[in-house]
Amino acid sequence: MEEGFGGKERRKSERIDVAFTLTYSLEQSYTLHISLGLVDSVEAVMVNLSDLGMAIITNYDIPRGAHLYIKFNLINMRLSGDERWRFMKITGEAVSNVELPDENHRIGIRFNKISEEDREAIKNFVLCNKFKRD
């Protein structure tokens, strides 16, 4: 587990704060508080997003290096029609794990398998919503 959020900014891509529900499952069965091997997927909350990765809040202590299969709906209210909504299936690796005061964990995830269309949709989402807040 890592201590705190401090340190030099290492991100290569701009992130935006979000609050999306997602589901994830682990590539391998890790020893956690429960046996995730018996569960198809676990719900979590995504708290930020970029085209290279995300951070989630989960009840489980996911070890660094764990590979996750992530599914979520990206909804961009700044667009219209079919462009507004996109179902994403992305594979990522846990690169950080910070235990929070409420015993949840903030997991930093770097994407390692994402379609170019999904990456572009996320880039557009960040760009559209960044200007909305500035």
N, C-alpha and C. Protein backbone atom coordinates (compact mmCIF):
# COMPACT_ATOMS: atom_id res chain seq x y z
N MET A 1 0.83 -1.18 0.00
CA MET A 1 0.00 0.00 0.00
C MET A 1 0.87 1.24 0.00
N GLU A 2 0.42 2.28 -0.68
CA GLU A 2 1.15 3.53 -0.73
C GLU A 2 0.60 4.50 0.28
N GLU A 3 1.42 5.44 0.68
CA GLU A 3 1.01 6.46 1.63
C GLU A 3 0.57 7.71 0.89
N GLY A 4 -0.64 8.18 1.17
CA GLY A 4 -1.10 9.49 0.70
C GLY A 4 -1.12 9.65 -0.81
N PHE A 5 -1.46 10.87 -1.23
CA PHE A 5 -1.54 11.20 -2.65
C PHE A 5 -0.42 12.11 -3.08
N GLY A 6 0.48 12.47 -2.18
CA GLY A 6 1.51 13.46 -2.46
C GLY A 6 2.51 12.98 -3.49
N GLY A 7 3.44 13.87 -3.81
CA GLY A 7 4.48 13.51 -4.75
C GLY A 7 4.34 14.26 -6.05
N LYS A 8 5.35 14.11 -6.89
CA LYS A 8 5.40 14.78 -8.18
C LYS A 8 4.34 14.22 -9.12
N GLU A 9 3.72 15.10 -9.89
CA GLU A 9 2.72 14.69 -10.88
C GLU A 9 3.40 13.85 -11.96
N ARG A 10 2.91 12.62 -12.17
CA ARG A 10 3.51 11.71 -13.14
C ARG A 10 2.61 11.46 -14.34
N ARG A 11 1.44 12.00 -14.35
CA ARG A 11 0.49 11.70 -15.43
C ARG A 11 0.90 12.35 -16.74
N LYS A 12 0.74 11.59 -17.81
CA LYS A 12 1.07 12.07 -19.15
C LYS A 12 -0.16 12.59 -19.87
N SER A 13 -1.32 12.40 -19.29
CA SER A 13 -2.58 12.77 -19.93
C SER A 13 -3.48 13.43 -18.88
N GLU A 14 -4.19 14.45 -19.29
CA GLU A 14 -5.05 15.17 -18.35
C GLU A 14 -6.22 14.30 -17.90
N ARG A 15 -6.51 14.35 -16.60
CA ARG A 15 -7.65 13.63 -16.03
C ARG A 15 -8.71 14.62 -15.62
N ILE A 16 -9.92 14.10 -15.53
CA ILE A 16 -11.05 14.91 -15.06
C ILE A 16 -11.75 14.13 -13.95
N ASP A 17 -12.20 14.85 -12.93
CA ASP A 17 -12.95 14.20 -11.86
C ASP A 17 -14.31 13.78 -12.37
N VAL A 18 -14.72 12.57 -12.00
CA VAL A 18 -16.00 12.01 -12.42
C VAL A 18 -16.62 11.25 -11.26
N ALA A 19 -17.82 10.78 -11.46
CA ALA A 19 -18.49 9.92 -10.48
C ALA A 19 -19.34 8.91 -11.26
N PHE A 20 -18.68 7.94 -11.86
CA PHE A 20 -19.34 6.88 -12.61
C PHE A 20 -19.27 5.58 -11.83
N THR A 21 -20.34 4.82 -11.86
CA THR A 21 -20.31 3.46 -11.31
C THR A 21 -19.73 2.55 -12.39
N LEU A 22 -18.93 1.60 -11.98
CA LEU A 22 -18.36 0.63 -12.91
C LEU A 22 -18.34 -0.73 -12.26
N THR A 23 -18.09 -1.74 -13.05
CA THR A 23 -17.86 -3.07 -12.51
C THR A 23 -16.48 -3.52 -12.95
N TYR A 24 -15.85 -4.32 -12.11
CA TYR A 24 -14.55 -4.88 -12.47
C TYR A 24 -14.46 -6.30 -11.97
N SER A 25 -13.59 -7.03 -12.62
CA SER A 25 -13.23 -8.37 -12.15
C SER A 25 -11.72 -8.49 -12.30
N LEU A 26 -11.15 -9.43 -11.57
CA LEU A 26 -9.71 -9.62 -11.59
C LEU A 26 -9.33 -10.75 -12.52
N GLU A 27 -8.20 -10.59 -13.18
CA GLU A 27 -7.69 -11.61 -14.08
C GLU A 27 -7.39 -12.90 -13.34
N GLN A 28 -6.80 -12.77 -12.15
CA GLN A 28 -6.46 -13.92 -11.33
C GLN A 28 -7.15 -13.77 -9.99
N SER A 29 -7.30 -14.87 -9.29
CA SER A 29 -7.88 -14.82 -7.96
C SER A 29 -6.80 -14.43 -6.96
N TYR A 30 -6.95 -13.25 -6.34
CA TYR A 30 -6.02 -12.78 -5.33
C TYR A 30 -6.66 -13.00 -3.96
N THR A 31 -5.83 -13.14 -2.95
CA THR A 31 -6.34 -13.27 -1.61
C THR A 31 -6.78 -11.90 -1.14
N LEU A 32 -8.09 -11.73 -0.98
CA LEU A 32 -8.67 -10.47 -0.54
C LEU A 32 -9.55 -10.76 0.67
N HIS A 33 -10.33 -9.77 1.06
CA HIS A 33 -11.24 -9.96 2.20
C HIS A 33 -12.30 -11.01 1.88
N ILE A 34 -12.66 -11.12 0.59
CA ILE A 34 -13.56 -12.19 0.15
C ILE A 34 -12.91 -12.86 -1.06
N SER A 35 -13.40 -13.99 -1.43
CA SER A 35 -12.86 -14.66 -2.61
C SER A 35 -13.55 -14.11 -3.84
N LEU A 36 -12.88 -13.24 -4.57
CA LEU A 36 -13.47 -12.66 -5.77
C LEU A 36 -13.62 -13.70 -6.86
N GLY A 37 -12.96 -14.81 -6.74
CA GLY A 37 -13.09 -15.86 -7.74
C GLY A 37 -14.50 -16.41 -7.84
N LEU A 38 -15.30 -16.20 -6.80
CA LEU A 38 -16.68 -16.69 -6.81
C LEU A 38 -17.67 -15.63 -7.30
N VAL A 39 -17.17 -14.44 -7.61
CA VAL A 39 -18.03 -13.33 -8.01
C VAL A 39 -17.68 -12.95 -9.44
N ASP A 40 -18.70 -12.75 -10.30
CA ASP A 40 -18.44 -12.36 -11.68
C ASP A 40 -17.79 -10.98 -11.75
N SER A 41 -18.32 -10.03 -10.97
CA SER A 41 -17.77 -8.68 -10.99
C SER A 41 -18.15 -7.96 -9.70
N VAL A 42 -17.40 -6.91 -9.41
CA VAL A 42 -17.58 -6.11 -8.22
C VAL A 42 -17.85 -4.68 -8.65
N GLU A 43 -18.78 -4.00 -7.97
CA GLU A 43 -19.04 -2.60 -8.29
C GLU A 43 -18.08 -1.70 -7.55
N ALA A 44 -17.75 -0.58 -8.18
CA ALA A 44 -16.89 0.44 -7.59
C ALA A 44 -17.31 1.78 -8.17
N VAL A 45 -16.71 2.86 -7.65
CA VAL A 45 -16.97 4.20 -8.17
C VAL A 45 -15.69 4.75 -8.78
N MET A 46 -15.79 5.18 -10.02
CA MET A 46 -14.68 5.83 -10.70
C MET A 46 -14.65 7.29 -10.23
N VAL A 47 -13.49 7.77 -9.80
CA VAL A 47 -13.41 9.14 -9.29
C VAL A 47 -12.63 10.07 -10.21
N ASN A 48 -11.83 9.53 -11.12
CA ASN A 48 -11.25 10.37 -12.17
C ASN A 48 -10.92 9.49 -13.36
N LEU A 49 -10.73 10.15 -14.52
CA LEU A 49 -10.60 9.42 -15.77
C LEU A 49 -9.74 10.20 -16.75
N SER A 50 -8.89 9.48 -17.47
CA SER A 50 -8.17 10.02 -18.63
C SER A 50 -8.12 8.92 -19.67
N ASP A 51 -7.56 9.22 -20.82
CA ASP A 51 -7.45 8.20 -21.86
C ASP A 51 -6.38 7.17 -21.55
N LEU A 52 -5.57 7.41 -20.51
CA LEU A 52 -4.52 6.46 -20.12
C LEU A 52 -4.84 5.68 -18.85
N GLY A 53 -5.81 6.15 -18.06
CA GLY A 53 -6.11 5.45 -16.82
C GLY A 53 -7.23 6.09 -16.03
N MET A 54 -7.42 5.59 -14.82
CA MET A 54 -8.49 6.07 -13.95
C MET A 54 -8.13 5.78 -12.50
N ALA A 55 -8.90 6.36 -11.61
CA ALA A 55 -8.83 6.01 -10.19
C ALA A 55 -10.23 5.57 -9.78
N ILE A 56 -10.28 4.54 -8.95
CA ILE A 56 -11.56 4.05 -8.46
C ILE A 56 -11.51 3.96 -6.93
N ILE A 57 -12.69 3.96 -6.33
CA ILE A 57 -12.84 3.71 -4.91
C ILE A 57 -13.55 2.36 -4.79
N THR A 58 -12.94 1.43 -4.04
CA THR A 58 -13.50 0.10 -3.87
C THR A 58 -13.32 -0.36 -2.43
N ASN A 59 -14.11 -1.33 -2.03
CA ASN A 59 -14.01 -1.90 -0.68
C ASN A 59 -12.83 -2.85 -0.54
N TYR A 60 -12.21 -3.23 -1.64
CA TYR A 60 -11.22 -4.31 -1.63
C TYR A 60 -9.80 -3.80 -1.82
N ASP A 61 -8.89 -4.47 -1.17
CA ASP A 61 -7.48 -4.14 -1.18
C ASP A 61 -6.84 -4.83 -2.40
N ILE A 62 -6.95 -4.20 -3.55
CA ILE A 62 -6.43 -4.76 -4.80
C ILE A 62 -4.91 -4.55 -4.83
N PRO A 63 -4.14 -5.60 -4.97
CA PRO A 63 -2.68 -5.43 -4.96
C PRO A 63 -2.16 -4.75 -6.22
N ARG A 64 -1.10 -3.99 -6.07
CA ARG A 64 -0.44 -3.40 -7.23
C ARG A 64 -0.01 -4.52 -8.16
N GLY A 65 -0.16 -4.29 -9.44
CA GLY A 65 0.19 -5.31 -10.42
C GLY A 65 -0.98 -6.18 -10.84
N ALA A 66 -2.08 -6.12 -10.10
CA ALA A 66 -3.26 -6.91 -10.46
C ALA A 66 -3.84 -6.40 -11.78
N HIS A 67 -4.32 -7.31 -12.60
CA HIS A 67 -4.94 -6.95 -13.87
C HIS A 67 -6.46 -7.01 -13.70
N LEU A 68 -7.11 -5.93 -14.11
CA LEU A 68 -8.56 -5.81 -13.94
C LEU A 68 -9.26 -5.69 -15.28
N TYR A 69 -10.41 -6.33 -15.38
CA TYR A 69 -11.31 -6.16 -16.52
C TYR A 69 -12.39 -5.18 -16.06
N ILE A 70 -12.50 -4.05 -16.74
CA ILE A 70 -13.36 -2.95 -16.30
C ILE A 70 -14.45 -2.71 -17.34
N LYS A 71 -15.68 -2.51 -16.85
CA LYS A 71 -16.81 -2.20 -17.73
C LYS A 71 -17.56 -1.01 -17.15
N PHE A 72 -17.90 -0.04 -18.02
CA PHE A 72 -18.68 1.11 -17.58
C PHE A 72 -19.30 1.80 -18.77
N ASN A 73 -20.29 2.61 -18.50
CA ASN A 73 -20.93 3.45 -19.51
C ASN A 73 -20.36 4.85 -19.41
N LEU A 74 -19.81 5.33 -20.50
CA LEU A 74 -19.33 6.71 -20.56
C LEU A 74 -20.46 7.54 -21.14
N ILE A 75 -20.95 8.48 -20.37
CA ILE A 75 -22.05 9.33 -20.80
C ILE A 75 -21.55 10.76 -20.87
N ASN A 76 -21.55 11.31 -22.08
CA ASN A 76 -21.08 12.67 -22.31
C ASN A 76 -22.27 13.56 -22.64
N MET A 77 -22.76 14.25 -21.66
CA MET A 77 -23.96 15.09 -21.83
C MET A 77 -23.73 16.28 -22.76
N ARG A 78 -22.48 16.56 -23.11
CA ARG A 78 -22.16 17.66 -24.01
C ARG A 78 -22.34 17.26 -25.48
N LEU A 79 -22.57 15.98 -25.74
CA LEU A 79 -22.79 15.49 -27.10
C LEU A 79 -24.25 15.13 -27.28
N SER A 80 -24.63 14.76 -28.51
CA SER A 80 -26.02 14.38 -28.74
C SER A 80 -26.07 13.08 -29.55
N GLY A 81 -27.26 12.51 -29.60
CA GLY A 81 -27.47 11.29 -30.37
C GLY A 81 -26.67 10.11 -29.85
N ASP A 82 -26.26 9.26 -30.80
CA ASP A 82 -25.52 8.05 -30.45
C ASP A 82 -24.14 8.35 -29.87
N GLU A 83 -23.62 9.53 -30.10
CA GLU A 83 -22.29 9.90 -29.60
C GLU A 83 -22.29 10.16 -28.10
N ARG A 84 -23.45 10.37 -27.52
CA ARG A 84 -23.57 10.73 -26.10
C ARG A 84 -23.21 9.58 -25.16
N TRP A 85 -23.46 8.36 -25.57
CA TRP A 85 -23.33 7.20 -24.69
C TRP A 85 -22.44 6.15 -25.34
N ARG A 86 -21.52 5.56 -24.55
CA ARG A 86 -20.63 4.51 -25.07
C ARG A 86 -20.34 3.50 -23.96
N PHE A 87 -20.55 2.23 -24.25
CA PHE A 87 -20.23 1.15 -23.32
C PHE A 87 -18.76 0.79 -23.51
N MET A 88 -18.00 0.82 -22.42
CA MET A 88 -16.56 0.58 -22.48
C MET A 88 -16.20 -0.74 -21.81
N LYS A 89 -15.29 -1.48 -22.44
CA LYS A 89 -14.66 -2.66 -21.86
C LYS A 89 -13.17 -2.43 -21.99
N ILE A 90 -12.51 -2.28 -20.84
CA ILE A 90 -11.09 -1.93 -20.84
C ILE A 90 -10.36 -2.84 -19.86
N THR A 91 -9.13 -3.19 -20.18
CA THR A 91 -8.27 -3.92 -19.27
C THR A 91 -7.22 -2.96 -18.73
N GLY A 92 -6.97 -3.06 -17.42
CA GLY A 92 -5.98 -2.18 -16.82
C GLY A 92 -5.19 -2.88 -15.73
N GLU A 93 -4.15 -2.20 -15.27
CA GLU A 93 -3.30 -2.72 -14.20
C GLU A 93 -3.34 -1.77 -13.02
N ALA A 94 -3.50 -2.32 -11.83
CA ALA A 94 -3.46 -1.51 -10.62
C ALA A 94 -2.03 -1.03 -10.41
N VAL A 95 -1.84 0.30 -10.37
CA VAL A 95 -0.50 0.86 -10.21
C VAL A 95 -0.33 1.56 -8.86
N SER A 96 -1.43 1.79 -8.16
CA SER A 96 -1.35 2.36 -6.81
C SER A 96 -2.55 1.90 -6.00
N ASN A 97 -2.36 1.91 -4.68
CA ASN A 97 -3.42 1.51 -3.76
C ASN A 97 -3.22 2.31 -2.48
N VAL A 98 -4.19 3.16 -2.17
CA VAL A 98 -4.14 3.98 -0.96
C VAL A 98 -5.33 3.62 -0.09
N GLU A 99 -5.07 3.19 1.14
CA GLU A 99 -6.16 2.89 2.07
C GLU A 99 -6.72 4.21 2.57
N LEU A 100 -8.04 4.35 2.51
CA LEU A 100 -8.72 5.57 2.93
C LEU A 100 -9.19 5.42 4.38
N PRO A 101 -9.49 6.54 5.05
CA PRO A 101 -9.91 6.48 6.46
C PRO A 101 -11.15 5.61 6.71
N ASP A 102 -12.02 5.48 5.70
CA ASP A 102 -13.24 4.68 5.88
C ASP A 102 -13.03 3.21 5.52
N GLU A 103 -11.77 2.79 5.38
CA GLU A 103 -11.36 1.42 5.06
C GLU A 103 -11.60 1.04 3.61
N ASN A 104 -12.06 1.97 2.78
CA ASN A 104 -12.09 1.74 1.35
C ASN A 104 -10.68 1.94 0.81
N HIS A 105 -10.50 1.65 -0.47
CA HIS A 105 -9.20 1.81 -1.12
C HIS A 105 -9.37 2.62 -2.40
N ARG A 106 -8.45 3.55 -2.61
CA ARG A 106 -8.39 4.31 -3.86
C ARG A 106 -7.33 3.62 -4.71
N ILE A 107 -7.77 3.04 -5.82
CA ILE A 107 -6.89 2.26 -6.69
C ILE A 107 -6.63 3.07 -7.97
N GLY A 108 -5.36 3.31 -8.26
CA GLY A 108 -4.97 3.92 -9.52
C GLY A 108 -4.77 2.83 -10.55
N ILE A 109 -5.37 3.02 -11.72
CA ILE A 109 -5.34 1.99 -12.77
C ILE A 109 -4.80 2.60 -14.05
N ARG A 110 -3.82 1.92 -14.64
CA ARG A 110 -3.29 2.31 -15.95
C ARG A 110 -3.87 1.35 -16.98
N PHE A 111 -4.46 1.90 -18.04
CA PHE A 111 -5.03 1.05 -19.08
C PHE A 111 -3.91 0.36 -19.85
N ASN A 112 -4.11 -0.93 -20.11
CA ASN A 112 -3.15 -1.63 -20.95
C ASN A 112 -3.80 -2.30 -22.16
N LYS A 113 -5.13 -2.30 -22.21
CA LYS A 113 -5.84 -2.78 -23.39
C LYS A 113 -7.12 -1.96 -23.53
N ILE A 114 -7.11 -1.07 -24.52
CA ILE A 114 -8.26 -0.20 -24.78
C ILE A 114 -8.32 0.04 -26.28
N SER A 115 -9.51 -0.01 -26.85
CA SER A 115 -9.65 0.23 -28.28
C SER A 115 -9.36 1.70 -28.58
N GLU A 116 -8.92 1.96 -29.78
CA GLU A 116 -8.62 3.34 -30.18
C GLU A 116 -9.90 4.18 -30.15
N GLU A 117 -11.05 3.58 -30.48
CA GLU A 117 -12.33 4.31 -30.43
C GLU A 117 -12.67 4.70 -29.00
N ASP A 118 -12.46 3.79 -28.04
CA ASP A 118 -12.73 4.10 -26.64
C ASP A 118 -11.77 5.18 -26.13
N ARG A 119 -10.50 5.08 -26.52
CA ARG A 119 -9.52 6.08 -26.10
C ARG A 119 -9.92 7.48 -26.62
N GLU A 120 -10.33 7.55 -27.87
CA GLU A 120 -10.76 8.83 -28.45
C GLU A 120 -12.02 9.36 -27.77
N ALA A 121 -12.96 8.46 -27.44
CA ALA A 121 -14.19 8.89 -26.75
C ALA A 121 -13.85 9.47 -25.38
N ILE A 122 -12.90 8.86 -24.68
CA ILE A 122 -12.50 9.38 -23.37
C ILE A 122 -11.79 10.72 -23.53
N LYS A 123 -10.89 10.83 -24.50
CA LYS A 123 -10.21 12.11 -24.75
C LYS A 123 -11.24 13.21 -25.01
N ASN A 124 -12.23 12.92 -25.84
CA ASN A 124 -13.27 13.91 -26.15
C ASN A 124 -14.08 14.26 -24.91
N PHE A 125 -14.38 13.26 -24.08
CA PHE A 125 -15.11 13.49 -22.85
C PHE A 125 -14.34 14.44 -21.93
N VAL A 126 -13.06 14.17 -21.74
CA VAL A 126 -12.22 15.02 -20.88
C VAL A 126 -12.18 16.44 -21.44
N LEU A 127 -11.95 16.57 -22.74
CA LEU A 127 -11.86 17.89 -23.37
C LEU A 127 -13.17 18.66 -23.24
N CYS A 128 -14.29 18.03 -23.57
CA CYS A 128 -15.60 18.69 -23.48
C CYS A 128 -15.92 19.15 -22.05
N ASN A 129 -15.65 18.31 -21.10
CA ASN A 129 -16.03 18.62 -19.72
C ASN A 129 -15.01 19.48 -18.99
N LYS A 130 -13.79 19.51 -19.46
CA LYS A 130 -12.78 20.40 -18.89
C LYS A 130 -13.17 21.85 -19.16
N PHE A 131 -13.54 22.15 -20.39
CA PHE A 131 -13.90 23.51 -20.74
C PHE A 131 -15.18 23.95 -20.05
N LYS A 132 -16.06 23.02 -19.80
CA LYS A 132 -17.31 23.31 -19.10
C LYS A 132 -17.02 23.84 -17.70
N ARG A 133 -15.95 23.30 -17.05
CA ARG A 133 -15.64 23.68 -15.66
C ARG A 133 -14.74 24.90 -15.57
N ASP A 134 -13.92 25.16 -16.60
CA ASP A 134 -12.97 26.28 -16.54
C ASP A 134 -13.66 27.62 -16.63
